[in-house]
PDB file of N, CA and C in Angstrom:
ATOM      1  N   MET A   1     150.258 141.445 131.556  1.00  0.00           N
ATOM      2  CA  MET A   1     150.231 142.678 132.299  1.00  0.00           C
ATOM      3  C   MET A   1     149.053 143.532 131.827  1.00  0.00           C
ATOM      4  N   ALA A   2     148.258 144.040 132.735  1.00  0.00           N
ATOM      5  CA  ALA A   2     147.096 144.849 132.402  1.00  0.00           C
ATOM      6  C   ALA A   2     147.530 146.222 131.893  1.00  0.00           C
ATOM      7  N   ILE A   3     146.760 146.750 130.962  1.00  0.00           N
ATOM      8  CA  ILE A   3     147.029 148.080 130.433  1.00  0.00           C
ATOM      9  C   ILE A   3     146.525 149.097 131.453  1.00  0.00           C
ATOM     10  N   PRO A   4     147.364 150.060 131.856  1.00  0.00           N
ATOM     11  CA  PRO A   4     146.892 151.054 132.821  1.00  0.00           C
ATOM     12  C   PRO A   4     145.866 151.984 132.186  1.00  0.00           C
ATOM     13  N   HIS A   5     144.782 152.219 132.877  1.00  0.00           N
ATOM     14  CA  HIS A   5     143.738 153.132 132.428  1.00  0.00           C
ATOM     15  C   HIS A   5     143.626 154.265 133.440  1.00  0.00           C
ATOM     16  N   ALA A   6     143.118 155.391 132.994  1.00  0.00           N
ATOM     17  CA  ALA A   6     142.868 156.501 133.901  1.00  0.00           C
ATOM     18  C   ALA A   6     141.794 156.091 134.905  1.00  0.00           C
ATOM     19  N   GLN A   7     141.925 156.574 136.105  1.00  0.00           N
ATOM     20  CA  GLN A   7     140.954 156.315 137.155  1.00  0.00           C
ATOM     21  C   GLN A   7     139.910 157.432 137.169  1.00  0.00           C
ATOM     22  N   PRO A   8     138.706 157.173 137.713  1.00  0.00           N
ATOM     23  CA  PRO A   8     137.704 158.230 137.796  1.00  0.00           C
ATOM     24  C   PRO A   8     138.296 159.465 138.477  1.00  0.00           C
ATOM     25  N   GLY A   9     138.076 160.622 137.892  1.00  0.00           N
ATOM     26  CA  GLY A   9     138.582 161.873 138.432  1.00  0.00           C
ATOM     27  C   GLY A   9     139.996 162.226 138.012  1.00  0.00           C
ATOM     28  N   GLU A  10     140.688 161.309 137.329  1.00  0.00           N
ATOM     29  CA  GLU A  10     142.059 161.565 136.868  1.00  0.00           C
ATOM     30  C   GLU A  10     142.036 162.356 135.568  1.00  0.00           C
ATOM     31  N   VAL A  11     142.836 163.410 135.480  1.00  0.00           N
ATOM     32  CA  VAL A  11     142.914 164.231 134.279  1.00  0.00           C
ATOM     33  C   VAL A  11     143.789 163.520 133.242  1.00  0.00           C
ATOM     34  N   VAL A  12     143.306 163.479 131.992  1.00  0.00           N
ATOM     35  CA  VAL A  12     144.030 162.831 130.896  1.00  0.00           C
ATOM     36  C   VAL A  12     144.377 163.891 129.850  1.00  0.00           C
ATOM     37  N   ASP A  13     145.625 163.930 129.438  1.00  0.00           N
ATOM     38  CA  ASP A  13     146.099 164.894 128.444  1.00  0.00           C
ATOM     39  C   ASP A  13     145.885 164.329 127.044  1.00  0.00           C
ATOM     40  N   VAL A  14     145.043 164.976 126.241  1.00  0.00           N
ATOM     41  CA  VAL A  14     144.802 164.525 124.873  1.00  0.00           C
ATOM     42  C   VAL A  14     145.244 165.568 123.837  1.00  0.00           C
ATOM     43  N   ARG A  15     146.139 166.471 124.283  1.00  0.00           N
ATOM     44  CA  ARG A  15     146.660 167.450 123.334  1.00  0.00           C
ATOM     45  C   ARG A  15     147.423 166.732 122.220  1.00  0.00           C
ATOM     46  N   PRO A  16     147.568 167.391 121.058  1.00  0.00           N
ATOM     47  CA  PRO A  16     148.356 166.801 119.978  1.00  0.00           C
ATOM     48  C   PRO A  16     149.755 166.406 120.463  1.00  0.00           C
ATOM     49  N   LEU A  17     150.264 165.315 119.909  1.00  0.00           N
ATOM     50  CA  LEU A  17     151.559 164.782 120.311  1.00  0.00           C
ATOM     51  C   LEU A  17     152.721 165.465 119.592  1.00  0.00           C
ATOM     52  N   GLY A  18     152.436 166.149 118.493  1.00  0.00           N
ATOM     53  CA  GLY A  18     153.486 166.851 117.743  1.00  0.00           C
ATOM     54  C   GLY A  18     154.568 165.903 117.266  1.00  0.00           C
ATOM     55  N   SER A  19     155.824 166.215 117.569  1.00  0.00           N
ATOM     56  CA  SER A  19     156.949 165.409 117.090  1.00  0.00           C
ATOM     57  C   SER A  19     156.950 163.998 117.676  1.00  0.00           C
ATOM     58  N   ALA A  20     156.271 163.778 118.796  1.00  0.00           N
ATOM     59  CA  ALA A  20     156.206 162.440 119.408  1.00  0.00           C
ATOM     60  C   ALA A  20     155.215 161.526 118.682  1.00  0.00           C
ATOM     61  N   LEU A  21     154.411 162.092 117.774  1.00  0.00           N
ATOM     62  CA  LEU A  21     153.397 161.300 117.066  1.00  0.00           C
ATOM     63  C   LEU A  21     154.015 160.149 116.275  1.00  0.00           C
ATOM     64  N   ALA A  22     155.147 160.386 115.630  1.00  0.00           N
ATOM     65  CA  ALA A  22     155.771 159.372 114.775  1.00  0.00           C
ATOM     66  C   ALA A  22     156.110 158.083 115.522  1.00  0.00           C
ATOM     67  N   SER A  23     156.381 158.167 116.817  1.00  0.00           N
ATOM     68  CA  SER A  23     156.751 156.973 117.581  1.00  0.00           C
ATOM     69  C   SER A  23     155.673 156.548 118.583  1.00  0.00           C
ATOM     70  N   ALA A  24     154.532 157.208 118.560  1.00  0.00           N
ATOM     71  CA  ALA A  24     153.458 156.909 119.520  1.00  0.00           C
ATOM     72  C   ALA A  24     152.726 155.618 119.165  1.00  0.00           C
ATOM     73  N   GLN A  25     152.104 155.028 120.169  1.00  0.00           N
ATOM     74  CA  GLN A  25     151.314 153.803 120.006  1.00  0.00           C
ATOM     75  C   GLN A  25     149.874 154.090 120.430  1.00  0.00           C
ATOM     76  N   THR A  26     148.933 153.350 119.835  1.00  0.00           N
ATOM     77  CA  THR A  26     147.537 153.441 120.241  1.00  0.00           C
ATOM     78  C   THR A  26     147.426 153.084 121.716  1.00  0.00           C
ATOM     79  N   GLN A  27     146.575 153.829 122.439  1.00  0.00           N
ATOM     80  CA  GLN A  27     146.449 153.608 123.880  1.00  0.00           C
ATOM     81  C   GLN A  27     144.993 153.767 124.312  1.00  0.00           C
ATOM     82  N   SER A  28     144.501 152.785 125.059  1.00  0.00           N
ATOM     83  CA  SER A  28     143.185 152.900 125.677  1.00  0.00           C
ATOM     84  C   SER A  28     143.342 153.804 126.892  1.00  0.00           C
ATOM     85  N   LEU A  29     142.632 154.939 126.906  1.00  0.00           N
ATOM     86  CA  LEU A  29     142.780 155.914 127.977  1.00  0.00           C
ATOM     87  C   LEU A  29     141.967 155.533 129.207  1.00  0.00           C
ATOM     88  N   PHE A  30     140.724 155.107 128.983  1.00  0.00           N
ATOM     89  CA  PHE A  30     139.939 154.569 130.093  1.00  0.00           C
ATOM     90  C   PHE A  30     138.788 153.737 129.555  1.00  0.00           C
ATOM     91  N   ARG A  31     138.312 152.870 130.411  1.00  0.00           N
ATOM     92  CA  ARG A  31     137.183 152.013 130.065  1.00  0.00           C
ATOM     93  C   ARG A  31     136.308 151.869 131.301  1.00  0.00           C
ATOM     94  N   ALA A  32     135.033 152.034 131.096  1.00  0.00           N
ATOM     95  CA  ALA A  32     134.039 151.837 132.145  1.00  0.00           C
ATOM     96  C   ALA A  32     132.995 150.872 131.584  1.00  0.00           C
ATOM     97  N   GLU A  33     131.945 150.642 132.333  1.00  0.00           N
ATOM     98  CA  GLU A  33     130.947 149.656 131.908  1.00  0.00           C
ATOM     99  C   GLU A  33     130.359 149.959 130.537  1.00  0.00           C
ATOM    100  N   GLN A  34     130.103 151.249 130.242  1.00  0.00           N
ATOM    101  CA  GLN A  34     129.429 151.561 128.986  1.00  0.00           C
ATOM    102  C   GLN A  34     130.170 152.542 128.082  1.00  0.00           C
ATOM    103  N   VAL A  35     131.444 152.823 128.372  1.00  0.00           N
ATOM    104  CA  VAL A  35     132.204 153.731 127.516  1.00  0.00           C
ATOM    105  C   VAL A  35     133.683 153.344 127.530  1.00  0.00           C
ATOM    106  N   GLU A  36     134.305 153.485 126.368  1.00  0.00           N
ATOM    107  CA  GLU A  36     135.748 153.322 126.267  1.00  0.00           C
ATOM    108  C   GLU A  36     136.284 154.472 125.425  1.00  0.00           C
ATOM    109  N   VAL A  37     137.393 155.057 125.853  1.00  0.00           N
ATOM    110  CA  VAL A  37     138.022 156.151 125.116  1.00  0.00           C
ATOM    111  C   VAL A  37     139.451 155.726 124.786  1.00  0.00           C
ATOM    112  N   ILE A  38     139.789 155.829 123.509  1.00  0.00           N
ATOM    113  CA  ILE A  38     141.074 155.361 122.988  1.00  0.00           C
ATOM    114  C   ILE A  38     141.736 156.487 122.207  1.00  0.00           C
ATOM    115  N   ARG A  39     143.055 156.657 122.392  1.00  0.00           N
ATOM    116  CA  ARG A  39     143.819 157.507 121.474  1.00  0.00           C
ATOM    117  C   ARG A  39     144.353 156.557 120.413  1.00  0.00           C
ATOM    118  N   LEU A  40     143.807 156.671 119.216  1.00  0.00           N
ATOM    119  CA  LEU A  40     144.165 155.797 118.103  1.00  0.00           C
ATOM    120  C   LEU A  40     145.209 156.489 117.242  1.00  0.00           C
ATOM    121  N   ILE A  41     146.352 155.841 117.068  1.00  0.00           N
ATOM    122  CA  ILE A  41     147.433 156.369 116.230  1.00  0.00           C
ATOM    123  C   ILE A  41     147.329 155.698 114.856  1.00  0.00           C
ATOM    124  N   VAL A  42     147.237 156.530 113.811  1.00  0.00           N
ATOM    125  CA  VAL A  42     147.139 156.022 112.440  1.00  0.00           C
ATOM    126  C   VAL A  42     148.259 156.652 111.621  1.00  0.00           C
ATOM    127  N   PRO A  43     149.342 155.892 111.377  1.00  0.00           N
ATOM    128  CA  PRO A  43     150.435 156.422 110.555  1.00  0.00           C
ATOM    129  C   PRO A  43     149.994 156.645 109.108  1.00  0.00           C
ATOM    130  N   ALA A  44     150.634 157.574 108.428  1.00  0.00           N
ATOM    131  CA  ALA A  44     150.364 157.815 107.016  1.00  0.00           C
ATOM    132  C   ALA A  44     150.528 156.502 106.246  1.00  0.00           C
ATOM    133  N   GLY A  45     149.567 156.186 105.401  1.00  0.00           N
ATOM    134  CA  GLY A  45     149.619 154.977 104.588  1.00  0.00           C
ATOM    135  C   GLY A  45     149.009 153.745 105.243  1.00  0.00           C
ATOM    136  N   LYS A  46     148.816 153.763 106.563  1.00  0.00           N
ATOM    137  CA  LYS A  46     148.232 152.601 107.241  1.00  0.00           C
ATOM    138  C   LYS A  46     146.739 152.542 106.958  1.00  0.00           C
ATOM    139  N   GLU A  47     146.246 151.325 106.736  1.00  0.00           N
ATOM    140  CA  GLU A  47     144.822 151.123 106.508  1.00  0.00           C
ATOM    141  C   GLU A  47     144.259 150.188 107.567  1.00  0.00           C
ATOM    142  N   ILE A  48     143.141 150.570 108.123  1.00  0.00           N
ATOM    143  CA  ILE A  48     142.393 149.706 109.041  1.00  0.00           C
ATOM    144  C   ILE A  48     141.197 149.229 108.245  1.00  0.00           C
ATOM    145  N   ASP A  49     141.173 147.926 107.962  1.00  0.00           N
ATOM    146  CA  ASP A  49     140.129 147.355 107.113  1.00  0.00           C
ATOM    147  C   ASP A  49     138.736 147.598 107.672  1.00  0.00           C
ATOM    148  N   GLU A  50     137.764 147.495 106.795  1.00  0.00           N
ATOM    149  CA  GLU A  50     136.368 147.711 107.187  1.00  0.00           C
ATOM    150  C   GLU A  50     135.981 146.794 108.342  1.00  0.00           C
ATOM    151  N   HIS A  51     135.300 147.371 109.303  1.00  0.00           N
ATOM    152  CA  HIS A  51     134.838 146.634 110.476  1.00  0.00           C
ATOM    153  C   HIS A  51     133.629 147.364 111.050  1.00  0.00           C
ATOM    154  N   LYS A  52     133.020 146.782 112.088  1.00  0.00           N
ATOM    155  CA  LYS A  52     131.874 147.392 112.760  1.00  0.00           C
ATOM    156  C   LYS A  52     132.178 147.485 114.245  1.00  0.00           C
ATOM    157  N   ALA A  53     131.743 148.579 114.864  1.00  0.00           N
ATOM    158  CA  ALA A  53     131.929 148.748 116.305  1.00  0.00           C
ATOM    159  C   ALA A  53     130.756 148.107 117.044  1.00  0.00           C
ATOM    160  N   LYS A  54     131.000 147.715 118.299  1.00  0.00           N
ATOM    161  CA  LYS A  54     129.968 147.095 119.125  1.00  0.00           C
ATOM    162  C   LYS A  54     128.961 148.107 119.662  1.00  0.00           C
ATOM    163  N   GLY A  55     129.251 149.383 119.490  1.00  0.00           N
ATOM    164  CA  GLY A  55     128.360 150.437 119.979  1.00  0.00           C
ATOM    165  C   GLY A  55     128.510 151.674 119.119  1.00  0.00           C
ATOM    166  N   GLU A  56     127.822 152.744 119.518  1.00  0.00           N
ATOM    167  CA  GLU A  56     127.954 154.010 118.818  1.00  0.00           C
ATOM    168  C   GLU A  56     129.381 154.518 119.025  1.00  0.00           C
ATOM    169  N   ILE A  57     129.917 155.222 118.016  1.00  0.00           N
ATOM    170  CA  ILE A  57     131.263 155.763 118.173  1.00  0.00           C
ATOM    171  C   ILE A  57     131.325 157.214 117.709  1.00  0.00           C
ATOM    172  N   VAL A  58     132.229 157.955 118.337  1.00  0.00           N
ATOM    173  CA  VAL A  58     132.561 159.306 117.919  1.00  0.00           C
ATOM    174  C   VAL A  58     134.061 159.311 117.677  1.00  0.00           C
ATOM    175  N   VAL A  59     134.457 159.727 116.479  1.00  0.00           N
ATOM    176  CA  VAL A  59     135.867 159.800 116.113  1.00  0.00           C
ATOM    177  C   VAL A  59     136.223 161.276 115.955  1.00  0.00           C
ATOM    178  N   GLN A  60     137.178 161.752 116.750  1.00  0.00           N
ATOM    179  CA  GLN A  60     137.628 163.134 116.674  1.00  0.00           C
ATOM    180  C   GLN A  60     139.105 163.140 116.300  1.00  0.00           C
ATOM    181  N   CYS A  61     139.446 163.874 115.254  1.00  0.00           N
ATOM    182  CA  CYS A  61     140.846 163.979 114.840  1.00  0.00           C
ATOM    183  C   CYS A  61     141.538 165.048 115.680  1.00  0.00           C
ATOM    184  N   LEU A  62     142.595 164.647 116.402  1.00  0.00           N
ATOM    185  CA  LEU A  62     143.365 165.567 117.227  1.00  0.00           C
ATOM    186  C   LEU A  62     144.493 166.225 116.436  1.00  0.00           C
ATOM    187  N   GLU A  63     145.053 165.473 115.472  1.00  0.00           N
ATOM    188  CA  GLU A  63     146.143 166.000 114.636  1.00  0.00           C
ATOM    189  C   GLU A  63     146.308 165.084 113.436  1.00  0.00           C
ATOM    190  N   GLY A  64     146.881 165.640 112.367  1.00  0.00           N
ATOM    191  CA  GLY A  64     147.089 164.866 111.157  1.00  0.00           C
ATOM    192  C   GLY A  64     145.831 164.794 110.315  1.00  0.00           C
ATOM    193  N   LYS A  65     145.749 163.763 109.473  1.00  0.00           N
ATOM    194  CA  LYS A  65     144.606 163.643 108.564  1.00  0.00           C
ATOM    195  C   LYS A  65     144.384 162.181 108.198  1.00  0.00           C
ATOM    196  N   VAL A  66     143.115 161.757 108.233  1.00  0.00           N
ATOM    197  CA  VAL A  66     142.732 160.411 107.815  1.00  0.00           C
ATOM    198  C   VAL A  66     141.541 160.493 106.872  1.00  0.00           C
ATOM    199  N   ALA A  67     141.357 159.437 106.097  1.00  0.00           N
ATOM    200  CA  ALA A  67     140.140 159.256 105.308  1.00  0.00           C
ATOM    201  C   ALA A  67     139.367 158.137 105.993  1.00  0.00           C
ATOM    202  N   LEU A  68     138.193 158.463 106.525  1.00  0.00           N
ATOM    203  CA  LEU A  68     137.350 157.480 107.189  1.00  0.00           C
ATOM    204  C   LEU A  68     136.185 157.195 106.249  1.00  0.00           C
ATOM    205  N   THR A  69     136.072 155.950 105.814  1.00  0.00           N
ATOM    206  CA  THR A  69     135.001 155.571 104.899  1.00  0.00           C
ATOM    207  C   THR A  69     133.850 154.978 105.688  1.00  0.00           C
ATOM    208  N   ALA A  70     132.669 155.583 105.533  1.00  0.00           N
ATOM    209  CA  ALA A  70     131.433 155.125 106.181  1.00  0.00           C
ATOM    210  C   ALA A  70     130.266 155.669 105.369  1.00  0.00           C
ATOM    211  N   PHE A  71     129.133 155.056 105.496  1.00  0.00           N
ATOM    212  CA  PHE A  71     127.939 155.482 104.756  1.00  0.00           C
ATOM    213  C   PHE A  71     128.194 155.505 103.250  1.00  0.00           C
ATOM    214  N   GLY A  72     129.117 154.637 102.788  1.00  0.00           N
ATOM    215  CA  GLY A  72     129.390 154.517 101.370  1.00  0.00           C
ATOM    216  C   GLY A  72     130.274 155.590 100.762  1.00  0.00           C
ATOM    217  N   LYS A  73     130.906 156.443 101.608  1.00  0.00           N
ATOM    218  CA  LYS A  73     131.816 157.439 101.044  1.00  0.00           C
ATOM    219  C   LYS A  73     132.940 157.760 102.016  1.00  0.00           C
ATOM    220  N   ALA A  74     134.016 158.336 101.474  1.00  0.00           N
ATOM    221  CA  ALA A  74     135.171 158.707 102.284  1.00  0.00           C
ATOM    222  C   ALA A  74     134.958 160.099 102.869  1.00  0.00           C
ATOM    223  N   HIS A  75     135.254 160.230 104.156  1.00  0.00           N
ATOM    224  CA  HIS A  75     135.163 161.504 104.871  1.00  0.00           C
ATOM    225  C   HIS A  75     136.572 161.871 105.317  1.00  0.00           C
ATOM    226  N   ASN A  76     137.059 163.043 104.920  1.00  0.00           N
ATOM    227  CA  ASN A  76     138.381 163.490 105.365  1.00  0.00           C
ATOM    228  C   ASN A  76     138.255 164.107 106.744  1.00  0.00           C
ATOM    229  N   LEU A  77     138.986 163.537 107.700  1.00  0.00           N
ATOM    230  CA  LEU A  77     139.021 164.072 109.053  1.00  0.00           C
ATOM    231  C   LEU A  77     140.410 164.648 109.292  1.00  0.00           C
ATOM    232  N   GLU A  78     140.451 165.908 109.699  1.00  0.00           N
ATOM    233  CA  GLU A  78     141.707 166.553 110.067  1.00  0.00           C
ATOM    234  C   GLU A  78     141.493 167.218 111.415  1.00  0.00           C
ATOM    235  N   ALA A  79     142.550 167.769 111.993  1.00  0.00           N
ATOM    236  CA  ALA A  79     142.499 168.333 113.341  1.00  0.00           C
ATOM    237  C   ALA A  79     141.250 169.196 113.544  1.00  0.00           C
ATOM    238  N   GLY A  80     140.521 168.897 114.620  1.00  0.00           N
ATOM    239  CA  GLY A  80     139.334 169.668 114.969  1.00  0.00           C
ATOM    240  C   GLY A  80     138.034 169.138 114.403  1.00  0.00           C
ATOM    241  N   LYS A  81     138.083 168.117 113.562  1.00  0.00           N
ATOM    242  CA  LYS A  81     136.871 167.549 112.955  1.00  0.00           C
ATOM    243  C   LYS A  81     136.493 166.265 113.685  1.00  0.00           C
ATOM    244  N   LEU A  82     135.167 166.000 113.765  1.00  0.00           N
ATOM    245  CA  LEU A  82     134.734 164.734 114.347  1.00  0.00           C
ATOM    246  C   LEU A  82     133.591 164.160 113.536  1.00  0.00           C
ATOM    247  N   LEU A  83     133.366 162.865 113.719  1.00  0.00           N
ATOM    248  CA  LEU A  83     132.333 162.139 112.998  1.00  0.00           C
ATOM    249  C   LEU A  83     131.678 161.148 113.943  1.00  0.00           C
ATOM    250  N   TYR A  84     130.349 161.089 113.911  1.00  0.00           N
ATOM    251  CA  TYR A  84     129.567 160.140 114.710  1.00  0.00           C
ATOM    252  C   TYR A  84     129.125 158.987 113.818  1.00  0.00           C
ATOM    253  N   LEU A  85     129.247 157.765 114.325  1.00  0.00           N
ATOM    254  CA  LEU A  85     128.770 156.576 113.608  1.00  0.00           C
ATOM    255  C   LEU A  85     127.839 155.787 114.525  1.00  0.00           C
ATOM    256  N   PRO A  86     126.679 155.388 114.018  1.00  0.00           N
ATOM    257  CA  PRO A  86     125.776 154.574 114.833  1.00  0.00           C
ATOM    258  C   PRO A  86     126.301 153.150 114.985  1.00  0.00           C
ATOM    259  N   THR A  87     125.762 152.435 115.936  1.00  0.00           N
ATOM    260  CA  THR A  87     126.151 151.041 116.193  1.00  0.00           C
ATOM    261  C   THR A  87     126.079 150.226 114.907  1.00  0.00           C
ATOM    262  N   GLY A  88     127.134 149.471 114.656  1.00  0.00           N
ATOM    263  CA  GLY A  88     127.147 148.537 113.530  1.00  0.00           C
ATOM    264  C   GLY A  88     127.426 149.137 112.166  1.00  0.00           C
ATOM    265  N   GLU A  89     127.677 150.439 112.075  1.00  0.00           N
ATOM    266  CA  GLU A  89     127.961 151.053 110.772  1.00  0.00           C
ATOM    267  C   GLU A  89     129.342 150.598 110.288  1.00  0.00           C
ATOM    268  N   PRO A  90     129.411 149.912 109.142  1.00  0.00           N
ATOM    269  CA  PRO A  90     130.711 149.479 108.617  1.00  0.00           C
ATOM    270  C   PRO A  90     131.574 150.706 108.283  1.00  0.00           C
ATOM    271  N   HIS A  91     132.842 150.648 108.665  1.00  0.00           N
ATOM    272  CA  HIS A  91     133.746 151.757 108.396  1.00  0.00           C
ATOM    273  C   HIS A  91     135.181 151.269 108.301  1.00  0.00           C
ATOM    274  N   SER A  92     136.002 152.055 107.627  1.00  0.00           N
ATOM    275  CA  SER A  92     137.436 151.780 107.518  1.00  0.00           C
ATOM    276  C   SER A  92     138.167 153.109 107.625  1.00  0.00           C
ATOM    277  N   VAL A  93     139.466 153.028 107.900  1.00  0.00           N
ATOM    278  CA  VAL A  93     140.270 154.240 108.102  1.00  0.00           C
ATOM    279  C   VAL A  93     141.579 154.085 107.333  1.00  0.00           C
ATOM    280  N   LYS A  94     142.012 155.174 106.688  1.00  0.00           N
ATOM    281  CA  LYS A  94     143.312 155.195 106.025  1.00  0.00           C
ATOM    282  C   LYS A  94     144.029 156.472 106.428  1.00  0.00           C
ATOM    283  N   GLY A  95     145.285 156.338 106.867  1.00  0.00           N
ATOM    284  CA  GLY A  95     146.098 157.493 107.232  1.00  0.00           C
ATOM    285  C   GLY A  95     146.566 158.237 106.002  1.00  0.00           C
ATOM    286  N   ILE A  96     146.201 159.496 105.909  1.00  0.00           N
ATOM    287  CA  ILE A  96     146.679 160.370 104.823  1.00  0.00           C
ATOM    288  C   ILE A  96     147.986 161.030 105.283  1.00  0.00           C
ATOM    289  N   GLU A  97     147.976 161.508 106.532  1.00  0.00           N
ATOM    290  CA  GLU A  97     149.163 162.009 107.225  1.00  0.00           C
ATOM    291  C   GLU A  97     149.221 161.242 108.547  1.00  0.00           C
ATOM    292  N   ASN A  98     150.361 161.227 109.219  1.00  0.00           N
ATOM    293  CA  ASN A  98     150.392 160.657 110.567  1.00  0.00           C
ATOM    294  C   ASN A  98     149.297 161.348 111.373  1.00  0.00           C
ATOM    295  N   ALA A  99     148.468 160.556 112.051  1.00  0.00           N
ATOM    296  CA  ALA A  99     147.314 161.134 112.735  1.00  0.00           C
ATOM    297  C   ALA A  99     147.112 160.528 114.116  1.00  0.00           C
ATOM    298  N   SER A 100     146.493 161.327 114.972  1.00  0.00           N
ATOM    299  CA  SER A 100     146.089 160.918 116.310  1.00  0.00           C
ATOM    300  C   SER A 100     144.592 161.196 116.414  1.00  0.00           C
ATOM    301  N   LEU A 101     143.821 160.151 116.725  1.00  0.00           N
ATOM    302  CA  LEU A 101     142.366 160.270 116.812  1.00  0.00           C
ATOM    303  C   LEU A 101     141.908 159.949 118.224  1.00  0.00           C
ATOM    304  N   LEU A 102     140.888 160.647 118.685  1.00  0.00           N
ATOM    305  CA  LEU A 102     140.256 160.327 119.951  1.00  0.00           C
ATOM    306  C   LEU A 102     138.979 159.569 119.614  1.00  0.00           C
ATOM    307  N   LEU A 103     138.947 158.300 119.993  1.00  0.00           N
ATOM    308  CA  LEU A 103     137.847 157.408 119.659  1.00  0.00           C
ATOM    309  C   LEU A 103     137.047 157.122 120.926  1.00  0.00           C
ATOM    310  N   THR A 104     135.774 157.491 120.915  1.00  0.00           N
ATOM    311  CA  THR A 104     134.875 157.235 122.033  1.00  0.00           C
ATOM    312  C   THR A 104     133.851 156.198 121.601  1.00  0.00           C
ATOM    313  N   ILE A 105     133.800 155.074 122.314  1.00  0.00           N
ATOM    314  CA  ILE A 105     132.871 154.003 121.996  1.00  0.00           C
ATOM    315  C   ILE A 105     131.862 153.897 123.133  1.00  0.00           C
ATOM    316  N   LEU A 106     130.582 154.032 122.789  1.00  0.00           N
ATOM    317  CA  LEU A 106     129.511 153.862 123.762  1.00  0.00           C
ATOM    318  C   LEU A 106     129.094 152.404 123.707  1.00  0.00           C
ATOM    319  N   LEU A 107     129.445 151.640 124.739  1.00  0.00           N
ATOM    320  CA  LEU A 107     129.235 150.198 124.755  1.00  0.00           C
ATOM    321  C   LEU A 107     127.810 149.863 125.188  1.00  0.00           C
ATOM    322  N   PRO A 108     127.234 148.821 124.588  1.00  0.00           N
ATOM    323  CA  PRO A 108     125.877 148.424 124.969  1.00  0.00           C
ATOM    324  C   PRO A 108     125.853 147.830 126.381  1.00  0.00           C
ATOM    325  N   LYS A 109     124.696 147.931 127.036  1.00  0.00           N
ATOM    326  CA  LYS A 109     124.538 147.310 128.359  1.00  0.00           C
ATOM    327  C   LYS A 109     124.581 145.810 128.197  1.00  0.00           C
ATOM    328  N   HIS A 110     125.127 145.132 129.197  1.00  0.00           N
ATOM    329  CA  HIS A 110     125.230 143.661 129.150  1.00  0.00           C
ATOM    330  C   HIS A 110     123.938 143.041 129.584  1.00  0.00           C
TER     331      HIS A 110
END
């Protein structure tokens, strides 16, 4: 079954989930030829091992707190903070508190 994505012109709610955060799942909000936007759920204590994105990425913390390691150091992201990473920059994420992140990936042209 295909994951439903927002259609062009459709409004998407990215407000903090509040009490629903604890049971929320990561969701791809929309994908087009050169951009994908994901609401990434990172529970406290969860670690996403070091990896590289296929394109430039912007990570914005909507709620909670994570430690995002890139450029050889840990960056604390909490509500209202964002971080830009260039294509191929190795990074990892660890949940400090239950967190919801808005992840924008700028995909390379095919």
